[in-house]
């Protein structure tokens, strides 16, 4: 769990992750619809509808494959409760880690996070395993945190003991 050494992932609030998941689905549907409209328009314009439909089939297959891959990855998510071992404020701290993933989006290896880094590096223990991630809120040592882990055991979303995350939202995300 926790990925490779030196790999740090930024956690987002559960509500933000739900909105991001919905936006990804809408984007996939919009791309499928737009590809269909463009392929049919090109096919009708050039009097070669079969070429337009072939392009539509190819583009739709790629989009559908990416969508299915994303959904399968989403289905491997797990909820876990962890205990905070230590935190480091990135605004005031001198230790700024190199990022590989920021809010679920890859960043080229060895490249620093764009713009000013805000957040808190948190070391937490989950089922006897130590996990490091960047949290959006300050955490205190010994605090219990609710974490959503991806298939590799890296933190995607987090909520502290003061947060109230609706059960319906957790069921939709995990």
C-alpha atoms as a PDB file:
ATOM      1  CA  UNK A   1       0.000   0.000   0.000  1.00  0.00           C
ATOM      2  CA  UNK A   2       1.040   3.553  -0.515  1.00  0.00           C
ATOM      3  CA  UNK A   3       2.790   3.090  -3.841  1.00  0.00           C
ATOM      4  CA  UNK A   4       6.488   3.438  -4.526  1.00  0.00           C
ATOM      5  CA  UNK A   5       8.879   5.268  -2.223  1.00  0.00           C
ATOM      6  CA  UNK A   6       8.786   9.025  -2.785  1.00  0.00           C
ATOM      7  CA  UNK A   7       5.396   8.912  -4.495  1.00  0.00           C
ATOM      8  CA  UNK A   8       2.920  11.308  -2.888  1.00  0.00           C
ATOM      9  CA  UNK A   9      -0.694  11.754  -3.941  1.00  0.00           C
ATOM     10  CA  UNK A  10      -2.992  14.641  -3.127  1.00  0.00           C
ATOM     11  CA  UNK A  11      -6.280  13.705  -1.487  1.00  0.00           C
ATOM     12  CA  UNK A  12      -9.420  15.695  -2.217  1.00  0.00           C
ATOM     13  CA  UNK A  13     -12.624  16.032  -0.197  1.00  0.00           C
ATOM     14  CA  UNK A  14     -15.216  13.308  -0.862  1.00  0.00           C
ATOM     15  CA  UNK A  15     -17.730  15.779  -2.332  1.00  0.00           C
ATOM     16  CA  UNK A  16     -15.138  17.089  -4.806  1.00  0.00           C
ATOM     17  CA  UNK A  17     -14.242  13.549  -5.888  1.00  0.00           C
ATOM     18  CA  UNK A  18     -17.921  12.790  -6.501  1.00  0.00           C
ATOM     19  CA  UNK A  19     -18.223  15.912  -8.684  1.00  0.00           C
ATOM     20  CA  UNK A  20     -15.060  14.932 -10.565  1.00  0.00           C
ATOM     21  CA  UNK A  21     -16.420  11.420 -11.181  1.00  0.00           C
ATOM     22  CA  UNK A  22     -19.663  12.875 -12.553  1.00  0.00           C
ATOM     23  CA  UNK A  23     -17.777  15.318 -14.786  1.00  0.00           C
ATOM     24  CA  UNK A  24     -15.686  12.466 -16.244  1.00  0.00           C
ATOM     25  CA  UNK A  25     -18.845  10.544 -17.129  1.00  0.00           C
ATOM     26  CA  UNK A  26     -20.430  13.608 -18.732  1.00  0.00           C
ATOM     27  CA  UNK A  27     -17.226  14.284 -20.692  1.00  0.00           C
ATOM     28  CA  UNK A  28     -17.188  10.726 -22.030  1.00  0.00           C
ATOM     29  CA  UNK A  29     -20.827  11.013 -23.117  1.00  0.00           C
ATOM     30  CA  UNK A  30     -20.188  14.412 -24.740  1.00  0.00           C
ATOM     31  CA  UNK A  31     -17.190  13.054 -26.629  1.00  0.00           C
ATOM     32  CA  UNK A  32     -19.186  10.058 -27.860  1.00  0.00           C
ATOM     33  CA  UNK A  33     -22.050  12.294 -28.994  1.00  0.00           C
ATOM     34  CA  UNK A  34     -19.741  14.843 -30.642  1.00  0.00           C
ATOM     35  CA  UNK A  35     -17.813  12.125 -32.471  1.00  0.00           C
ATOM     36  CA  UNK A  36     -21.086  10.755 -33.800  1.00  0.00           C
ATOM     37  CA  UNK A  37     -22.311  14.128 -35.020  1.00  0.00           C
ATOM     38  CA  UNK A  38     -18.997  14.985 -36.687  1.00  0.00           C
ATOM     39  CA  UNK A  39     -18.646  11.569 -38.330  1.00  0.00           C
ATOM     40  CA  UNK A  40     -22.175  11.665 -39.754  1.00  0.00           C
ATOM     41  CA  UNK A  41     -21.753  15.278 -40.924  1.00  0.00           C
ATOM     42  CA  UNK A  42     -18.459  14.480 -42.647  1.00  0.00           C
ATOM     43  CA  UNK A  43     -19.957  11.350 -44.187  1.00  0.00           C
ATOM     44  CA  UNK A  44     -23.004  13.206 -45.538  1.00  0.00           C
ATOM     45  CA  UNK A  45     -20.927  16.117 -46.803  1.00  0.00           C
ATOM     46  CA  UNK A  46     -18.491  13.935 -48.726  1.00  0.00           C
ATOM     47  CA  UNK A  47     -21.110  11.476 -50.017  1.00  0.00           C
ATOM     48  CA  UNK A  48     -19.180   8.721 -48.283  1.00  0.00           C
ATOM     49  CA  UNK A  49     -21.240   7.892 -45.240  1.00  0.00           C
ATOM     50  CA  UNK A  50     -19.472   4.571 -44.772  1.00  0.00           C
ATOM     51  CA  UNK A  51     -16.128   6.392 -44.202  1.00  0.00           C
ATOM     52  CA  UNK A  52     -17.720   8.651 -41.605  1.00  0.00           C
ATOM     53  CA  UNK A  53     -19.267   5.678 -39.833  1.00  0.00           C
ATOM     54  CA  UNK A  54     -15.914   3.844 -39.850  1.00  0.00           C
ATOM     55  CA  UNK A  55     -14.293   6.866 -38.190  1.00  0.00           C
ATOM     56  CA  UNK A  56     -17.179   7.004 -35.708  1.00  0.00           C
ATOM     57  CA  UNK A  57     -16.711   3.340 -34.851  1.00  0.00           C
ATOM     58  CA  UNK A  58     -12.974   3.805 -34.274  1.00  0.00           C
ATOM     59  CA  UNK A  59     -13.340   6.935 -32.130  1.00  0.00           C
ATOM     60  CA  UNK A  60     -16.247   5.464 -30.174  1.00  0.00           C
ATOM     61  CA  UNK A  61     -14.278   2.292 -29.497  1.00  0.00           C
ATOM     62  CA  UNK A  62     -11.334   4.243 -28.083  1.00  0.00           C
ATOM     63  CA  UNK A  63     -13.573   6.434 -25.895  1.00  0.00           C
ATOM     64  CA  UNK A  64     -15.570   3.431 -24.695  1.00  0.00           C
ATOM     65  CA  UNK A  65     -12.380   1.492 -23.874  1.00  0.00           C
ATOM     66  CA  UNK A  66     -11.007   4.397 -21.846  1.00  0.00           C
ATOM     67  CA  UNK A  67     -14.347   4.814 -20.067  1.00  0.00           C
ATOM     68  CA  UNK A  68     -14.541   1.105 -19.196  1.00  0.00           C
ATOM     69  CA  UNK A  69     -10.931   1.185 -17.948  1.00  0.00           C
ATOM     70  CA  UNK A  70     -11.732   4.171 -15.725  1.00  0.00           C
ATOM     71  CA  UNK A  71     -14.909   2.508 -14.376  1.00  0.00           C
ATOM     72  CA  UNK A  72     -13.048  -0.725 -13.584  1.00  0.00           C
ATOM     73  CA  UNK A  73     -10.404   1.268 -11.702  1.00  0.00           C
ATOM     74  CA  UNK A  74     -13.167   3.082  -9.846  1.00  0.00           C
ATOM     75  CA  UNK A  75     -14.692  -0.258  -8.791  1.00  0.00           C
ATOM     76  CA  UNK A  76     -11.415  -1.262  -7.059  1.00  0.00           C
ATOM     77  CA  UNK A  77     -11.620   1.624  -4.602  1.00  0.00           C
ATOM     78  CA  UNK A  78     -11.723   0.792  -0.877  1.00  0.00           C
ATOM     79  CA  UNK A  79     -12.712   2.741   2.210  1.00  0.00           C
ATOM     80  CA  UNK A  80     -10.328   2.623   5.151  1.00  0.00           C
ATOM     81  CA  UNK A  81      -9.969   4.277   8.535  1.00  0.00           C
ATOM     82  CA  UNK A  82      -6.481   5.439   9.434  1.00  0.00           C
ATOM     83  CA  UNK A  83      -4.694   7.080  12.333  1.00  0.00           C
ATOM     84  CA  UNK A  84      -2.544  10.154  11.713  1.00  0.00           C
ATOM     85  CA  UNK A  85       1.063   9.565  12.766  1.00  0.00           C
ATOM     86  CA  UNK A  86       2.539  12.935  11.754  1.00  0.00           C
ATOM     87  CA  UNK A  87       1.827  15.972   9.585  1.00  0.00           C
ATOM     88  CA  UNK A  88       3.935  18.562   7.811  1.00  0.00           C
ATOM     89  CA  UNK A  89       2.581  21.947   6.724  1.00  0.00           C
ATOM     90  CA  UNK A  90       3.786  22.490   3.139  1.00  0.00           C
ATOM     91  CA  UNK A  91       3.333  26.253   3.292  1.00  0.00           C
ATOM     92  CA  UNK A  92       5.814  26.667   6.150  1.00  0.00           C
ATOM     93  CA  UNK A  93       7.805  23.458   5.769  1.00  0.00           C
ATOM     94  CA  UNK A  94      11.132  23.127   3.994  1.00  0.00           C
ATOM     95  CA  UNK A  95      10.499  19.543   2.880  1.00  0.00           C
ATOM     96  CA  UNK A  96       8.603  19.800  -0.411  1.00  0.00           C
ATOM     97  CA  UNK A  97       8.176  16.342  -1.982  1.00  0.00           C
ATOM     98  CA  UNK A  98       8.282  15.692  -5.708  1.00  0.00           C
ATOM     99  CA  UNK A  99       4.825  14.809  -6.972  1.00  0.00           C
ATOM    100  CA  UNK A 100       3.826  11.976  -9.283  1.00  0.00           C
ATOM    101  CA  UNK A 101       0.068  12.471  -9.042  1.00  0.00           C
ATOM    102  CA  UNK A 102      -1.890  15.592  -8.147  1.00  0.00           C
ATOM    103  CA  UNK A 103      -5.613  15.090  -7.525  1.00  0.00           C
ATOM    104  CA  UNK A 104      -5.548  11.921  -9.587  1.00  0.00           C
ATOM    105  CA  UNK A 105      -3.755  13.477 -12.590  1.00  0.00           C
ATOM    106  CA  UNK A 106      -0.218  12.364 -13.503  1.00  0.00           C
ATOM    107  CA  UNK A 107       2.643  14.870 -13.407  1.00  0.00           C
ATOM    108  CA  UNK A 108       5.912  14.057 -15.245  1.00  0.00           C
ATOM    109  CA  UNK A 109       8.451  12.423 -12.926  1.00  0.00           C
ATOM    110  CA  UNK A 110      10.855  14.804 -11.267  1.00  0.00           C
ATOM    111  CA  UNK A 111       8.702  17.853 -11.980  1.00  0.00           C
ATOM    112  CA  UNK A 112       7.643  20.007  -9.064  1.00  0.00           C
ATOM    113  CA  UNK A 113       3.963  20.728  -8.507  1.00  0.00           C
ATOM    114  CA  UNK A 114       2.790  23.743 -10.528  1.00  0.00           C
ATOM    115  CA  UNK A 115       2.187  26.969  -8.638  1.00  0.00           C
ATOM    116  CA  UNK A 116       2.377  27.431  -4.890  1.00  0.00           C
ATOM    117  CA  UNK A 117       1.922  24.175  -3.001  1.00  0.00           C
ATOM    118  CA  UNK A 118      -0.844  24.281  -0.416  1.00  0.00           C
ATOM    119  CA  UNK A 119      -1.698  21.444   1.879  1.00  0.00           C
ATOM    120  CA  UNK A 120      -0.367  19.168   4.544  1.00  0.00           C
ATOM    121  CA  UNK A 121       1.748  16.051   4.117  1.00  0.00           C
ATOM    122  CA  UNK A 122       0.163  13.402   6.318  1.00  0.00           C
ATOM    123  CA  UNK A 123       1.629  10.095   7.388  1.00  0.00           C
ATOM    124  CA  UNK A 124      -1.157   7.767   8.454  1.00  0.00           C
ATOM    125  CA  UNK A 125      -1.339   4.138   9.494  1.00  0.00           C
ATOM    126  CA  UNK A 126      -4.001   1.970   7.855  1.00  0.00           C
ATOM    127  CA  UNK A 127      -4.202  -1.706   8.848  1.00  0.00           C
ATOM    128  CA  UNK A 128      -0.567  -1.688   9.953  1.00  0.00           C
ATOM    129  CA  UNK A 129       0.670  -0.025   6.766  1.00  0.00           C
ATOM    130  CA  UNK A 130       2.062   3.495   6.634  1.00  0.00           C
ATOM    131  CA  UNK A 131       0.605   5.748   3.925  1.00  0.00           C
ATOM    132  CA  UNK A 132       1.780   9.236   2.959  1.00  0.00           C
ATOM    133  CA  UNK A 133      -0.484  11.665   1.162  1.00  0.00           C
ATOM    134  CA  UNK A 134      -1.211  15.379   0.872  1.00  0.00           C
ATOM    135  CA  UNK A 135      -4.342  16.467   2.694  1.00  0.00           C
ATOM    136  CA  UNK A 136      -6.450  19.558   2.079  1.00  0.00           C
ATOM    137  CA  UNK A 137      -7.009  20.193   5.808  1.00  0.00           C
ATOM    138  CA  UNK A 138      -4.673  20.231   8.792  1.00  0.00           C
ATOM    139  CA  UNK A 139      -4.663  17.010  10.777  1.00  0.00           C
ATOM    140  CA  UNK A 140      -3.450  16.367  14.295  1.00  0.00           C
ATOM    141  CA  UNK A 141      -1.428  13.440  15.556  1.00  0.00           C
ATOM    142  CA  UNK A 142      -3.659  10.575  16.676  1.00  0.00           C
ATOM    143  CA  UNK A 143      -6.690  11.829  14.715  1.00  0.00           C
ATOM    144  CA  UNK A 144      -8.783   9.209  12.926  1.00  0.00           C
ATOM    145  CA  UNK A 145      -9.282   9.872   9.203  1.00  0.00           C
ATOM    146  CA  UNK A 146     -11.599   8.266   6.669  1.00  0.00           C
ATOM    147  CA  UNK A 147      -9.668   7.488   3.490  1.00  0.00           C
ATOM    148  CA  UNK A 148     -10.697   6.314   0.038  1.00  0.00           C
ATOM    149  CA  UNK A 149      -7.924   4.208  -1.492  1.00  0.00           C
ATOM    150  CA  UNK A 150      -7.477   3.300  -5.137  1.00  0.00           C
ATOM    151  CA  UNK A 151      -6.573  -0.190  -6.357  1.00  0.00           C
ATOM    152  CA  UNK A 152      -2.870   0.444  -5.624  1.00  0.00           C
ATOM    153  CA  UNK A 153      -3.584   1.540  -2.045  1.00  0.00           C
ATOM    154  CA  UNK A 154      -2.944   5.250  -2.652  1.00  0.00           C
ATOM    155  CA  UNK A 155      -5.200   7.864  -1.074  1.00  0.00           C
ATOM    156  CA  UNK A 156      -7.727   9.538  -3.390  1.00  0.00           C
ATOM    157  CA  UNK A 157     -10.020  11.289  -0.902  1.00  0.00           C
ATOM    158  CA  UNK A 158      -9.935  12.010   2.801  1.00  0.00           C
ATOM    159  CA  UNK A 159     -12.156  13.297   5.579  1.00  0.00           C
ATOM    160  CA  UNK A 160     -11.238  14.010   9.179  1.00  0.00           C
ATOM    161  CA  UNK A 161     -13.056  13.064  12.331  1.00  0.00           C
ATOM    162  CA  UNK A 162     -14.912  16.413  12.277  1.00  0.00           C
ATOM    163  CA  UNK A 163     -16.394  15.741   8.809  1.00  0.00           C
ATOM    164  CA  UNK A 164     -19.754  14.171   8.172  1.00  0.00           C
ATOM    165  CA  UNK A 165     -19.742  12.318   4.859  1.00  0.00           C
ATOM    166  CA  UNK A 166     -23.177  10.982   3.854  1.00  0.00           C
ATOM    167  CA  UNK A 167     -23.412   7.206   3.512  1.00  0.00           C
ATOM    168  CA  UNK A 168     -25.041   7.541   0.063  1.00  0.00           C
ATOM    169  CA  UNK A 169     -21.995   9.477  -1.178  1.00  0.00           C
ATOM    170  CA  UNK A 170     -19.592   6.856   0.185  1.00  0.00           C
ATOM    171  CA  UNK A 171     -21.568   4.103  -1.532  1.00  0.00           C
ATOM    172  CA  UNK A 172     -21.382   5.960  -4.867  1.00  0.00           C
ATOM    173  CA  UNK A 173     -17.633   6.519  -4.597  1.00  0.00           C
ATOM    174  CA  UNK A 174     -16.450   3.154  -3.251  1.00  0.00           C
END
